[in-house]
Amino acid sequence: MLIGYRVALGVHGIPEDFDFWSPGQGPFAEWLWQRLGHKYPS
């Protein structure tokens, strides 16, 4: 759903800080990898 949300932002040209897919992992995922102690993104 969040990927769809991000796609809709892009399609409609709506600027919004988006933490969940930018495309790619995004800030939340980068934070999560560190929080869970992973050395590399999943």
Full PDB file with SEQRES, HELIX, SHEET, SSBOND, CRYST1, ORIGX, SCALE, CONECT and MASTER records, all heavy atoms in Angstrom:
SEQRES   1 A   42  MET LEU ILE GLY TYR ARG VAL ALA LEU GLY VAL HIS GLY          
SEQRES   2 A   42  ILE PRO GLU ASP PHE ASP PHE TRP SER PRO GLY GLN GLY          
SEQRES   3 A   42  PRO PHE ALA GLU TRP LEU TRP GLN ARG LEU GLY HIS LYS          
SEQRES   4 A   42  TYR PRO SER                                                  
HELIX    1 AA1 LEU A    2  VAL A   11  1                                  10    
HELIX    2 AA2 GLY A   26  ARG A   35  1                                  10    
CRYST1    1.000    1.000    1.000  90.00  90.00  90.00 P 1           1          
ORIGX1      1.000000  0.000000  0.000000        0.00000                         
ORIGX2      0.000000  1.000000  0.000000        0.00000                         
ORIGX3      0.000000  0.000000  1.000000        0.00000                         
SCALE1      1.000000  0.000000  0.000000        0.00000                         
SCALE2      0.000000  1.000000  0.000000        0.00000                         
SCALE3      0.000000  0.000000  1.000000        0.00000                         
ATOM      1  N   MET A   1       0.830  -1.207   0.000  1.00  0.00           N  
ATOM      2  CA  MET A   1       0.000   0.000   0.000  1.00  0.00           C  
ATOM      3  C   MET A   1       0.863   1.255   0.000  1.00  0.00           C  
ATOM      4  O   MET A   1       0.561   2.237  -0.685  1.00  0.00           O  
ATOM      5  CB  MET A   1      -0.935   0.028   1.209  1.00  0.00           C  
ATOM      6  CG  MET A   1      -2.159  -0.818   1.033  1.00  0.00           C  
ATOM      7  SD  MET A   1      -3.398  -0.475   2.292  1.00  0.00           S  
ATOM      8  CE  MET A   1      -2.633  -1.166   3.741  1.00  0.00           C  
ATOM      9  N   LEU A   2       1.940   1.230   0.778  1.00  0.00           N  
ATOM     10  CA  LEU A   2       2.804   2.404   0.843  1.00  0.00           C  
ATOM     11  C   LEU A   2       3.541   2.627  -0.473  1.00  0.00           C  
ATOM     12  O   LEU A   2       3.773   3.774  -0.870  1.00  0.00           O  
ATOM     13  CB  LEU A   2       3.779   2.285   2.015  1.00  0.00           C  
ATOM     14  CG  LEU A   2       3.118   2.355   3.391  1.00  0.00           C  
ATOM     15  CD1 LEU A   2       4.149   2.118   4.486  1.00  0.00           C  
ATOM     16  CD2 LEU A   2       2.400   3.674   3.598  1.00  0.00           C  
ATOM     17  N   ILE A   3       3.893   1.562  -1.161  1.00  0.00           N  
ATOM     18  CA  ILE A   3       4.493   1.723  -2.490  1.00  0.00           C  
ATOM     19  C   ILE A   3       3.476   2.358  -3.429  1.00  0.00           C  
ATOM     20  O   ILE A   3       3.794   3.279  -4.176  1.00  0.00           O  
ATOM     21  CB  ILE A   3       5.023   0.378  -3.032  1.00  0.00           C  
ATOM     22  CG1 ILE A   3       6.244  -0.069  -2.224  1.00  0.00           C  
ATOM     23  CG2 ILE A   3       5.350   0.478  -4.524  1.00  0.00           C  
ATOM     24  CD1 ILE A   3       6.700  -1.490  -2.495  1.00  0.00           C  
ATOM     25  N   GLY A   4       2.229   1.895  -3.366  1.00  0.00           N  
ATOM     26  CA  GLY A   4       1.174   2.508  -4.174  1.00  0.00           C  
ATOM     27  C   GLY A   4       0.967   3.970  -3.828  1.00  0.00           C  
ATOM     28  O   GLY A   4       0.763   4.809  -4.710  1.00  0.00           O  
ATOM     29  N   TYR A   5       1.026   4.293  -2.552  1.00  0.00           N  
ATOM     30  CA  TYR A   5       0.910   5.679  -2.095  1.00  0.00           C  
ATOM     31  C   TYR A   5       2.011   6.518  -2.734  1.00  0.00           C  
ATOM     32  O   TYR A   5       1.765   7.597  -3.274  1.00  0.00           O  
ATOM     33  CB  TYR A   5       1.015   5.698  -0.571  1.00  0.00           C  
ATOM     34  CG  TYR A   5       0.808   7.041   0.091  1.00  0.00           C  
ATOM     35  CD1 TYR A   5      -0.335   7.287   0.838  1.00  0.00           C  
ATOM     36  CD2 TYR A   5       1.767   8.044   0.027  1.00  0.00           C  
ATOM     37  CE1 TYR A   5      -0.527   8.497   1.488  1.00  0.00           C  
ATOM     38  CE2 TYR A   5       1.582   9.253   0.656  1.00  0.00           C  
ATOM     39  CZ  TYR A   5       0.441   9.483   1.387  1.00  0.00           C  
ATOM     40  OH  TYR A   5       0.261  10.686   2.020  1.00  0.00           O  
ATOM     41  N   ARG A   6       3.247   5.992  -2.688  1.00  0.00           N  
ATOM     42  CA  ARG A   6       4.392   6.726  -3.263  1.00  0.00           C  
ATOM     43  C   ARG A   6       4.256   6.883  -4.769  1.00  0.00           C  
ATOM     44  O   ARG A   6       4.554   7.940  -5.329  1.00  0.00           O  
ATOM     45  CB  ARG A   6       5.698   6.009  -2.917  1.00  0.00           C  
ATOM     46  CG  ARG A   6       6.937   6.598  -3.573  1.00  0.00           C  
ATOM     47  CD  ARG A   6       7.162   8.043  -3.129  1.00  0.00           C  
ATOM     48  NE  ARG A   6       8.301   8.621  -3.783  1.00  0.00           N  
ATOM     49  CZ  ARG A   6       8.267   9.345  -4.909  1.00  0.00           C  
ATOM     50  NH1 ARG A   6       7.123   9.556  -5.524  1.00  0.00           N  
ATOM     51  NH2 ARG A   6       9.358   9.842  -5.418  1.00  0.00           N  
ATOM     52  N   VAL A   7       3.796   5.849  -5.444  1.00  0.00           N  
ATOM     53  CA  VAL A   7       3.589   5.924  -6.889  1.00  0.00           C  
ATOM     54  C   VAL A   7       2.548   7.001  -7.213  1.00  0.00           C  
ATOM     55  O   VAL A   7       2.731   7.805  -8.115  1.00  0.00           O  
ATOM     56  CB  VAL A   7       3.191   4.550  -7.467  1.00  0.00           C  
ATOM     57  CG1 VAL A   7       2.710   4.664  -8.899  1.00  0.00           C  
ATOM     58  CG2 VAL A   7       4.367   3.577  -7.380  1.00  0.00           C  
ATOM     59  N   ALA A   8       1.457   7.026  -6.440  1.00  0.00           N  
ATOM     60  CA  ALA A   8       0.418   8.034  -6.667  1.00  0.00           C  
ATOM     61  C   ALA A   8       0.967   9.440  -6.462  1.00  0.00           C  
ATOM     62  O   ALA A   8       0.618  10.364  -7.219  1.00  0.00           O  
ATOM     63  CB  ALA A   8      -0.777   7.775  -5.749  1.00  0.00           C  
ATOM     64  N   LEU A   9       1.819   9.634  -5.463  1.00  0.00           N  
ATOM     65  CA  LEU A   9       2.445  10.948  -5.282  1.00  0.00           C  
ATOM     66  C   LEU A   9       3.214  11.351  -6.537  1.00  0.00           C  
ATOM     67  O   LEU A   9       3.103  12.483  -7.007  1.00  0.00           O  
ATOM     68  CB  LEU A   9       3.401  10.932  -4.080  1.00  0.00           C  
ATOM     69  CG  LEU A   9       2.807  10.824  -2.690  1.00  0.00           C  
ATOM     70  CD1 LEU A   9       3.931  10.673  -1.648  1.00  0.00           C  
ATOM     71  CD2 LEU A   9       1.944  12.028  -2.357  1.00  0.00           C  
ATOM     72  N   GLY A  10       3.991  10.406  -7.057  1.00  0.00           N  
ATOM     73  CA  GLY A  10       4.782  10.684  -8.253  1.00  0.00           C  
ATOM     74  C   GLY A  10       3.928  10.944  -9.474  1.00  0.00           C  
ATOM     75  O   GLY A  10       4.178  11.889 -10.241  1.00  0.00           O  
ATOM     76  N   VAL A  11       2.916  10.137  -9.687  1.00  0.00           N  
ATOM     77  CA  VAL A  11       2.035  10.284 -10.849  1.00  0.00           C  
ATOM     78  C   VAL A  11       1.345  11.642 -10.834  1.00  0.00           C  
ATOM     79  O   VAL A  11       1.200  12.294 -11.868  1.00  0.00           O  
ATOM     80  CB  VAL A  11       0.996   9.137 -10.889  1.00  0.00           C  
ATOM     81  CG1 VAL A  11      -0.130   9.434 -11.863  1.00  0.00           C  
ATOM     82  CG2 VAL A  11       1.676   7.824 -11.244  1.00  0.00           C  
ATOM     83  N   HIS A  12       0.942  12.075  -9.653  1.00  0.00           N  
ATOM     84  CA  HIS A  12       0.199  13.330  -9.537  1.00  0.00           C  
ATOM     85  C   HIS A  12       1.088  14.526  -9.222  1.00  0.00           C  
ATOM     86  O   HIS A  12       0.584  15.646  -9.052  1.00  0.00           O  
ATOM     87  CB  HIS A  12      -0.905  13.191  -8.492  1.00  0.00           C  
ATOM     88  CG  HIS A  12      -1.940  12.196  -8.900  1.00  0.00           C  
ATOM     89  ND1 HIS A  12      -2.856  12.439  -9.903  1.00  0.00           N  
ATOM     90  CD2 HIS A  12      -2.185  10.933  -8.477  1.00  0.00           C  
ATOM     91  CE1 HIS A  12      -3.620  11.381 -10.064  1.00  0.00           C  
ATOM     92  NE2 HIS A  12      -3.229  10.443  -9.222  1.00  0.00           N  
ATOM     93  N   GLY A  13       2.406  14.307  -9.173  1.00  0.00           N  
ATOM     94  CA  GLY A  13       3.341  15.399  -8.950  1.00  0.00           C  
ATOM     95  C   GLY A  13       3.186  16.069  -7.596  1.00  0.00           C  
ATOM     96  O   GLY A  13       3.359  17.274  -7.468  1.00  0.00           O  
ATOM     97  N   ILE A  14       2.868  15.289  -6.586  1.00  0.00           N  
ATOM     98  CA  ILE A  14       2.654  15.834  -5.246  1.00  0.00           C  
ATOM     99  C   ILE A  14       3.942  15.682  -4.438  1.00  0.00           C  
ATOM    100  O   ILE A  14       4.408  14.568  -4.199  1.00  0.00           O  
ATOM    101  CB  ILE A  14       1.495  15.100  -4.537  1.00  0.00           C  
ATOM    102  CG1 ILE A  14       0.208  15.270  -5.337  1.00  0.00           C  
ATOM    103  CG2 ILE A  14       1.336  15.608  -3.100  1.00  0.00           C  
ATOM    104  CD1 ILE A  14      -0.930  14.401  -4.870  1.00  0.00           C  
ATOM    105  N   PRO A  15       4.517  16.799  -4.022  1.00  0.00           N  
ATOM    106  CA  PRO A  15       5.735  16.711  -3.209  1.00  0.00           C  
ATOM    107  C   PRO A  15       5.386  16.350  -1.763  1.00  0.00           C  
ATOM    108  O   PRO A  15       4.509  16.945  -1.158  1.00  0.00           O  
ATOM    109  CB  PRO A  15       6.317  18.122  -3.278  1.00  0.00           C  
ATOM    110  CG  PRO A  15       5.150  19.011  -3.548  1.00  0.00           C  
ATOM    111  CD  PRO A  15       4.150  18.185  -4.315  1.00  0.00           C  
ATOM    112  N   GLU A  16       6.017  15.322  -1.248  1.00  0.00           N  
ATOM    113  CA  GLU A  16       5.824  14.926   0.150  1.00  0.00           C  
ATOM    114  C   GLU A  16       7.054  14.159   0.592  1.00  0.00           C  
ATOM    115  O   GLU A  16       7.549  13.307  -0.147  1.00  0.00           O  
ATOM    116  CB  GLU A  16       4.574  14.031   0.290  1.00  0.00           C  
ATOM    117  CG  GLU A  16       4.327  13.579   1.714  1.00  0.00           C  
ATOM    118  CD  GLU A  16       3.092  12.693   1.852  1.00  0.00           C  
ATOM    119  OE1 GLU A  16       2.057  12.981   1.215  1.00  0.00           O  
ATOM    120  OE2 GLU A  16       3.166  11.711   2.615  1.00  0.00           O  
ATOM    121  N   ASP A  17       7.558  14.487   1.772  1.00  0.00           N  
ATOM    122  CA  ASP A  17       8.626  13.674   2.334  1.00  0.00           C  
ATOM    123  C   ASP A  17       8.049  12.284   2.551  1.00  0.00           C  
ATOM    124  O   ASP A  17       6.978  12.137   3.137  1.00  0.00           O  
ATOM    125  CB  ASP A  17       9.104  14.242   3.669  1.00  0.00           C  
ATOM    126  CG  ASP A  17       9.923  15.508   3.508  1.00  0.00           C  
ATOM    127  OD1 ASP A  17      10.481  15.722   2.423  1.00  0.00           O  
ATOM    128  OD2 ASP A  17       9.992  16.285   4.474  1.00  0.00           O  
ATOM    129  N   PHE A  18       8.754  11.286   2.051  1.00  0.00           N  
ATOM    130  CA  PHE A  18       8.225   9.924   2.105  1.00  0.00           C  
ATOM    131  C   PHE A  18       9.320   9.011   2.617  1.00  0.00           C  
ATOM    132  O   PHE A  18      10.344   8.833   1.969  1.00  0.00           O  
ATOM    133  CB  PHE A  18       7.736   9.495   0.720  1.00  0.00           C  
ATOM    134  CG  PHE A  18       6.897   8.262   0.759  1.00  0.00           C  
ATOM    135  CD1 PHE A  18       5.562   8.335   1.106  1.00  0.00           C  
ATOM    136  CD2 PHE A  18       7.441   7.025   0.479  1.00  0.00           C  
ATOM    137  CE1 PHE A  18       4.772   7.195   1.159  1.00  0.00           C  
ATOM    138  CE2 PHE A  18       6.668   5.882   0.525  1.00  0.00           C  
ATOM    139  CZ  PHE A  18       5.332   5.973   0.870  1.00  0.00           C  
ATOM    140  N   ASP A  19       9.096   8.415   3.778  1.00  0.00           N  
ATOM    141  CA  ASP A  19      10.129   7.644   4.469  1.00  0.00           C  
ATOM    142  C   ASP A  19      10.179   6.164   4.121  1.00  0.00           C  
ATOM    143  O   ASP A  19      11.061   5.462   4.587  1.00  0.00           O  
ATOM    144  CB  ASP A  19       9.917   7.754   5.988  1.00  0.00           C  
ATOM    145  CG  ASP A  19      10.098   9.179   6.485  1.00  0.00           C  
ATOM    146  OD1 ASP A  19      10.984   9.878   5.975  1.00  0.00           O  
ATOM    147  OD2 ASP A  19       9.335   9.576   7.390  1.00  0.00           O  
ATOM    148  N   PHE A  20       9.249   5.675   3.291  1.00  0.00           N  
ATOM    149  CA  PHE A  20       9.089   4.226   3.166  1.00  0.00           C  
ATOM    150  C   PHE A  20       9.469   3.633   1.821  1.00  0.00           C  
ATOM    151  O   PHE A  20       9.554   2.433   1.689  1.00  0.00           O  
ATOM    152  CB  PHE A  20       7.640   3.846   3.521  1.00  0.00           C  
ATOM    153  CG  PHE A  20       7.299   4.323   4.892  1.00  0.00           C  
ATOM    154  CD1 PHE A  20       6.651   5.525   5.082  1.00  0.00           C  
ATOM    155  CD2 PHE A  20       7.689   3.589   5.996  1.00  0.00           C  
ATOM    156  CE1 PHE A  20       6.373   5.984   6.352  1.00  0.00           C  
ATOM    157  CE2 PHE A  20       7.421   4.044   7.275  1.00  0.00           C  
ATOM    158  CZ  PHE A  20       6.765   5.245   7.443  1.00  0.00           C  
ATOM    159  N   TRP A  21       9.652   4.457   0.853  1.00  0.00           N  
ATOM    160  CA  TRP A  21      10.088   3.970  -0.478  1.00  0.00           C  
ATOM    161  C   TRP A  21      10.312   5.196  -1.323  1.00  0.00           C  
ATOM    162  O   TRP A  21       9.411   6.002  -1.495  1.00  0.00           O  
ATOM    163  CB  TRP A  21       9.022   3.078  -1.092  1.00  0.00           C  
ATOM    164  CG  TRP A  21       9.418   2.429  -2.389  1.00  0.00           C  
ATOM    165  CD1 TRP A  21      10.284   1.394  -2.544  1.00  0.00           C  
ATOM    166  CD2 TRP A  21       8.943   2.757  -3.685  1.00  0.00           C  
ATOM    167  NE1 TRP A  21      10.369   1.053  -3.860  1.00  0.00           N  
ATOM    168  CE2 TRP A  21       9.558   1.885  -4.589  1.00  0.00           C  
ATOM    169  CE3 TRP A  21       8.068   3.709  -4.198  1.00  0.00           C  
ATOM    170  CZ2 TRP A  21       9.332   1.921  -5.959  1.00  0.00           C  
ATOM    171  CZ3 TRP A  21       7.837   3.750  -5.541  1.00  0.00           C  
ATOM    172  CH2 TRP A  21       8.468   2.863  -6.405  1.00  0.00           C  
ATOM    173  N   SER A  22      11.507   5.364  -1.868  1.00  0.00           N  
ATOM    174  CA  SER A  22      11.778   6.644  -2.479  1.00  0.00           C  
ATOM    175  C   SER A  22      12.320   6.731  -3.899  1.00  0.00           C  
ATOM    176  O   SER A  22      12.875   7.739  -4.184  1.00  0.00           O  
ATOM    177  CB  SER A  22      12.737   7.427  -1.634  1.00  0.00           C  
ATOM    178  OG  SER A  22      13.015   7.029  -0.428  1.00  0.00           O  
ATOM    179  N   PRO A  23      12.272   5.960  -4.881  1.00  0.00           N  
ATOM    180  CA  PRO A  23      12.189   4.503  -4.850  1.00  0.00           C  
ATOM    181  C   PRO A  23      13.443   3.925  -4.207  1.00  0.00           C  
ATOM    182  O   PRO A  23      14.458   4.573  -4.155  1.00  0.00           O  
ATOM    183  CB  PRO A  23      12.088   4.109  -6.311  1.00  0.00           C  
ATOM    184  CG  PRO A  23      12.668   5.244  -7.066  1.00  0.00           C  
ATOM    185  CD  PRO A  23      12.477   6.472  -6.217  1.00  0.00           C  
ATOM    186  N   GLY A  24      13.342   2.750  -3.774  1.00  0.00           N  
ATOM    187  CA  GLY A  24      14.413   2.099  -3.033  1.00  0.00           C  
ATOM    188  C   GLY A  24      13.941   1.859  -1.616  1.00  0.00           C  
ATOM    189  O   GLY A  24      12.758   1.902  -1.340  1.00  0.00           O  
ATOM    190  N   GLN A  25      14.855   1.639  -0.736  1.00  0.00           N  
ATOM    191  CA  GLN A  25      14.479   1.290   0.628  1.00  0.00           C  
ATOM    192  C   GLN A  25      13.897   2.472   1.388  1.00  0.00           C  
ATOM    193  O   GLN A  25      12.897   2.343   2.049  1.00  0.00           O  
ATOM    194  CB  GLN A  25      15.681   0.715   1.365  1.00  0.00           C  
ATOM    195  CG  GLN A  25      16.172  -0.593   0.795  1.00  0.00           C  
ATOM    196  CD  GLN A  25      15.221  -1.738   1.063  1.00  0.00           C  
ATOM    197  OE1 GLN A  25      14.322  -1.660   1.879  1.00  0.00           O  
ATOM    198  NE2 GLN A  25      15.411  -2.829   0.357  1.00  0.00           N  
ATOM    199  N   GLY A  26      14.527   3.630   1.321  1.00  0.00           N  
ATOM    200  CA  GLY A  26      14.019   4.804   2.012  1.00  0.00           C  
ATOM    201  C   GLY A  26      14.558   4.952   3.423  1.00  0.00           C  
ATOM    202  O   GLY A  26      15.156   4.037   3.984  1.00  0.00           O  
ATOM    203  N   PRO A  27      14.345   6.133   4.028  1.00  0.00           N  
ATOM    204  CA  PRO A  27      14.890   6.433   5.360  1.00  0.00           C  
ATOM    205  C   PRO A  27      14.446   5.471   6.460  1.00  0.00           C  
ATOM    206  O   PRO A  27      15.244   5.129   7.328  1.00  0.00           O  
ATOM    207  CB  PRO A  27      14.373   7.849   5.639  1.00  0.00           C  
ATOM    208  CG  PRO A  27      14.164   8.444   4.286  1.00  0.00           C  
ATOM    209  CD  PRO A  27      13.721   7.307   3.411  1.00  0.00           C  
ATOM    210  N   PHE A  28      13.179   5.044   6.454  1.00  0.00           N  
ATOM    211  CA  PHE A  28      12.734   4.125   7.498  1.00  0.00           C  
ATOM    212  C   PHE A  28      13.510   2.813   7.422  1.00  0.00           C  
ATOM    213  O   PHE A  28      13.972   2.304   8.446  1.00  0.00           O  
ATOM    214  CB  PHE A  28      11.226   3.863   7.393  1.00  0.00           C  
ATOM    215  CG  PHE A  28      10.721   2.865   8.401  1.00  0.00           C  
ATOM    216  CD1 PHE A  28      10.612   3.211   9.738  1.00  0.00           C  
ATOM    217  CD2 PHE A  28      10.371   1.584   8.020  1.00  0.00           C  
ATOM    218  CE1 PHE A  28      10.154   2.290  10.687  1.00  0.00           C  
ATOM    219  CE2 PHE A  28       9.908   0.661   8.957  1.00  0.00           C  
ATOM    220  CZ  PHE A  28       9.806   1.014  10.287  1.00  0.00           C  
ATOM    221  N   ALA A  29      13.659   2.258   6.249  1.00  0.00           N  
ATOM    222  CA  ALA A  29      14.381   0.991   6.098  1.00  0.00           C  
ATOM    223  C   ALA A  29      15.843   1.146   6.492  1.00  0.00           C  
ATOM    224  O   ALA A  29      16.402   0.275   7.179  1.00  0.00           O  
ATOM    225  CB  ALA A  29      14.271   0.474   4.663  1.00  0.00           C  
ATOM    226  N   GLU A  30      16.467   2.247   6.095  1.00  0.00           N  
ATOM    227  CA  GLU A  30      17.867   2.470   6.466  1.00  0.00           C  
ATOM    228  C   GLU A  30      18.014   2.550   7.986  1.00  0.00           C  
ATOM    229  O   GLU A  30      18.930   1.979   8.564  1.00  0.00           O  
ATOM    230  CB  GLU A  30      18.384   3.744   5.800  1.00  0.00           C  
ATOM    231  CG  GLU A  30      18.486   3.598   4.291  1.00  0.00           C  
ATOM    232  CD  GLU A  30      18.755   4.921   3.591  1.00  0.00           C  
ATOM    233  OE1 GLU A  30      19.070   5.928   4.260  1.00  0.00           O  
ATOM    234  OE2 GLU A  30      18.633   4.942   2.351  1.00  0.00           O  
ATOM    235  N   TRP A  31      17.087   3.249   8.633  1.00  0.00           N  
ATOM    236  CA  TRP A  31      17.085   3.330  10.097  1.00  0.00           C  
ATOM    237  C   TRP A  31      16.871   1.941  10.699  1.00  0.00           C  
ATOM    238  O   TRP A  31      17.543   1.563  11.662  1.00  0.00           O  
ATOM    239  CB  TRP A  31      15.985   4.301  10.545  1.00  0.00           C  
ATOM    240  CG  TRP A  31      15.785   4.339  12.019  1.00  0.00           C  
ATOM    241  CD1 TRP A  31      16.453   5.113  12.911  1.00  0.00           C  
ATOM    242  CD2 TRP A  31      14.858   3.541  12.777  1.00  0.00           C  
ATOM    243  NE1 TRP A  31      15.997   4.850  14.190  1.00  0.00           N  
ATOM    244  CE2 TRP A  31      15.016   3.885  14.133  1.00  0.00           C  
ATOM    245  CE3 TRP A  31      13.905   2.581  12.445  1.00  0.00           C  
ATOM    246  CZ2 TRP A  31      14.266   3.313  15.150  1.00  0.00           C  
ATOM    247  CZ3 TRP A  31      13.157   1.999  13.450  1.00  0.00           C  
ATOM    248  CH2 TRP A  31      13.343   2.361  14.789  1.00  0.00           C  
ATOM    249  N   LEU A  32      15.928   1.191  10.137  1.00  0.00           N  
ATOM    250  CA  LEU A  32      15.584  -0.130  10.655  1.00  0.00           C  
ATOM    251  C   LEU A  32      16.769  -1.085  10.607  1.00  0.00           C  
ATOM    252  O   LEU A  32      17.007  -1.832  11.552  1.00  0.00           O  
ATOM    253  CB  LEU A  32      14.398  -0.719   9.886  1.00  0.00           C  
ATOM    254  CG  LEU A  32      13.925  -2.085  10.356  1.00  0.00           C  
ATOM    255  CD1 LEU A  32      13.320  -1.988  11.749  1.00  0.00           C  
ATOM    256  CD2 LEU A  32      12.932  -2.671   9.371  1.00  0.00           C  
ATOM    257  N   TRP A  33      17.526  -1.069   9.518  1.00  0.00           N  
ATOM    258  CA  TRP A  33      18.662  -1.998   9.408  1.00  0.00           C  
ATOM    259  C   TRP A  33      19.621  -1.747  10.559  1.00  0.00           C  
ATOM    260  O   TRP A  33      20.111  -2.686  11.180  1.00  0.00           O  
ATOM    261  CB  TRP A  33      19.400  -1.853   8.085  1.00  0.00           C  
ATOM    262  CG  TRP A  33      18.562  -1.974   6.858  1.00  0.00           C  
ATOM    263  CD1 TRP A  33      18.787  -1.318   5.676  1.00  0.00           C  
ATOM    264  CD2 TRP A  33      17.379  -2.758   6.634  1.00  0.00           C  
ATOM    265  NE1 TRP A  33      17.805  -1.644   4.770  1.00  0.00           N  
ATOM    266  CE2 TRP A  33      16.934  -2.526   5.333  1.00  0.00           C  
ATOM    267  CE3 TRP A  33      16.641  -3.626   7.426  1.00  0.00           C  
ATOM    268  CZ2 TRP A  33      15.801  -3.126   4.794  1.00  0.00           C  
ATOM    269  CZ3 TRP A  33      15.499  -4.221   6.904  1.00  0.00           C  
ATOM    270  CH2 TRP A  33      15.108  -3.972   5.601  1.00  0.00           C  
ATOM    271  N   GLN A  34      19.885  -0.472  10.833  1.00  0.00           N  
ATOM    272  CA  GLN A  34      20.787  -0.159  11.950  1.00  0.00           C  
ATOM    273  C   GLN A  34      20.157  -0.570  13.277  1.00  0.00           C  
ATOM    274  O   GLN A  34      20.827  -1.137  14.137  1.00  0.00           O  
ATOM    275  CB  GLN A  34      21.110   1.326  11.962  1.00  0.00           C  
ATOM    276  CG  GLN A  34      21.952   1.754  10.795  1.00  0.00           C  
ATOM    277  CD  GLN A  34      22.221   3.251  10.802  1.00  0.00           C  
ATOM    278  OE1 GLN A  34      21.870   3.961  11.729  1.00  0.00           O  
ATOM    279  NE2 GLN A  34      22.858   3.733   9.743  1.00  0.00           N  
ATOM    280  N   ARG A  35      18.887  -0.290  13.452  1.00  0.00           N  
ATOM    281  CA  ARG A  35      18.168  -0.595  14.706  1.00  0.00           C  
ATOM    282  C   ARG A  35      18.171  -2.092  14.996  1.00  0.00           C  
ATOM    283  O   ARG A  35      18.306  -2.511  16.137  1.00  0.00           O  
ATOM    284  CB  ARG A  35      16.747  -0.052  14.603  1.00  0.00           C  
ATOM    285  CG  ARG A  35      15.765  -0.466  15.671  1.00  0.00           C  
ATOM    286  CD  ARG A  35      16.135   0.081  17.033  1.00  0.00           C  
ATOM    287  NE  ARG A  35      15.126  -0.211  18.026  1.00  0.00           N  
ATOM    288  CZ  ARG A  35      14.851  -1.405  18.532  1.00  0.00           C  
ATOM    289  NH1 ARG A  35      15.505  -2.476  18.128  1.00  0.00           N  
ATOM    290  NH2 ARG A  35      13.920  -1.549  19.449  1.00  0.00           N  
ATOM    291  N   LEU A  36      18.031  -2.902  13.946  1.00  0.00           N  
ATOM    292  CA  LEU A  36      18.010  -4.357  14.115  1.00  0.00           C  
ATOM    293  C   LEU A  36      19.410  -4.975  14.089  1.00  0.00           C  
ATOM    294  O   LEU A  36      19.560  -6.182  14.243  1.00  0.00           O  
ATOM    295  CB  LEU A  36      17.129  -5.016  13.043  1.00  0.00           C  
ATOM    296  CG  LEU A  36      15.648  -4.659  13.078  1.00  0.00           C  
ATOM    297  CD1 LEU A  36      14.904  -5.357  11.940  1.00  0.00           C  
ATOM    298  CD2 LEU A  36      15.018  -4.996  14.420  1.00  0.00           C  
ATOM    299  N   GLY A  37      20.419  -4.144  13.876  1.00  0.00           N  
ATOM    300  CA  GLY A  37      21.796  -4.624  13.903  1.00  0.00           C  
ATOM    301  C   GLY A  37      22.261  -5.304  12.631  1.00  0.00           C  
ATOM    302  O   GLY A  37      23.228  -6.062  12.661  1.00  0.00           O  
ATOM    303  N   HIS A  38      21.595  -5.041  11.512  1.00  0.00           N  
ATOM    304  CA  HIS A  38      22.020  -5.621  10.236  1.00  0.00           C  
ATOM    305  C   HIS A  38      23.160  -4.801   9.647  1.00  0.00           C  
ATOM    306  O   HIS A  38      23.141  -3.582   9.693  1.00  0.00           O  
ATOM    307  CB  HIS A  38      20.870  -5.652   9.227  1.00  0.00           C  
ATOM    308  CG  HIS A  38      19.726  -6.528   9.636  1.00  0.00           C  
ATOM    309  ND1 HIS A  38      19.839  -7.886   9.798  1.00  0.00           N  
ATOM    310  CD2 HIS A  38      18.436  -6.235   9.910  1.00  0.00           C  
ATOM    311  CE1 HIS A  38      18.681  -8.392  10.146  1.00  0.00           C  
ATOM    312  NE2 HIS A  38      17.800  -7.408  10.242  1.00  0.00           N  
ATOM    313  N   LYS A  39      24.122  -5.495   9.079  1.00  0.00           N  
ATOM    314  CA  LYS A  39      25.236  -4.803   8.434  1.00  0.00           C  
ATOM    315  C   LYS A  39      24.874  -4.335   7.035  1.00  0.00           C  
ATOM    316  O   LYS A  39      25.423  -3.366   6.536  1.00  0.00           O  
ATOM    317  CB  LYS A  39      26.457  -5.706   8.383  1.00  0.00           C  
ATOM    318  CG  LYS A  39      27.031  -6.002   9.748  1.00  0.00           C  
ATOM    319  CD  LYS A  39      28.270  -6.848   9.651  1.00  0.00           C  
ATOM    320  CE  LYS A  39      28.786  -7.125  11.050  1.00  0.00           C  
ATOM    321  NZ  LYS A  39      30.051  -7.796  11.053  1.00  0.00           N  
ATOM    322  N   TYR A  40      23.955  -5.039   6.404  1.00  0.00           N  
ATOM    323  CA  TYR A  40      23.575  -4.730   5.029  1.00  0.00           C  
ATOM    324  C   TYR A  40      22.058  -4.658   4.929  1.00  0.00           C  
ATOM    325  O   TYR A  40      21.347  -5.351   5.654  1.00  0.00           O  
ATOM    326  CB  TYR A  40      24.092  -5.809   4.068  1.00  0.00           C  
ATOM    327  CG  TYR A  40      25.582  -6.003   4.145  1.00  0.00           C  
ATOM    328  CD1 TYR A  40      26.122  -7.075   4.851  1.00  0.00           C  
ATOM    329  CD2 TYR A  40      26.444  -5.093   3.547  1.00  0.00           C  
ATOM    330  CE1 TYR A  40      27.492  -7.244   4.953  1.00  0.00           C  
ATOM    331  CE2 TYR A  40      27.827  -5.258   3.643  1.00  0.00           C  
ATOM    332  CZ  TYR A  40      28.339  -6.328   4.334  1.00  0.00           C  
ATOM    333  OH  TYR A  40      29.691  -6.483   4.435  1.00  0.00           O  
ATOM    334  N   PRO A  41      21.562  -3.863   3.984  1.00  0.00           N  
ATOM    335  CA  PRO A  41      20.103  -3.824   3.783  1.00  0.00           C  
ATOM    336  C   PRO A  41      19.581  -5.179   3.322  1.00  0.00           C  
ATOM    337  O   PRO A  41      20.281  -5.938   2.664  1.00  0.00           O  
ATOM    338  CB  PRO A  41      19.919  -2.788   2.670  1.00  0.00           C  
ATOM    339  CG  PRO A  41      21.212  -2.094   2.509  1.00  0.00           C  
ATOM    340  CD  PRO A  41      22.277  -2.955   3.101  1.00  0.00           C  
ATOM    341  N   SER A  42      18.349  -5.450   3.673  1.00  0.00           N  
ATOM    342  CA  SER A  42      17.711  -6.687   3.247  1.00  0.00           C  
ATOM    343  C   SER A  42      17.063  -6.477   1.887  1.00  0.00           C  
ATOM    344  O   SER A  42      16.322  -5.514   1.692  1.00  0.00           O  
ATOM    345  CB  SER A  42      16.638  -7.103   4.254  1.00  0.00           C  
ATOM    346  OG  SER A  42      15.853  -8.134   3.727  1.00  0.00           O  
TER     347      SER A  42                                                      
MASTER        0    0    0    2    0    0    0    6  346    1    0    4          
END                                                                             
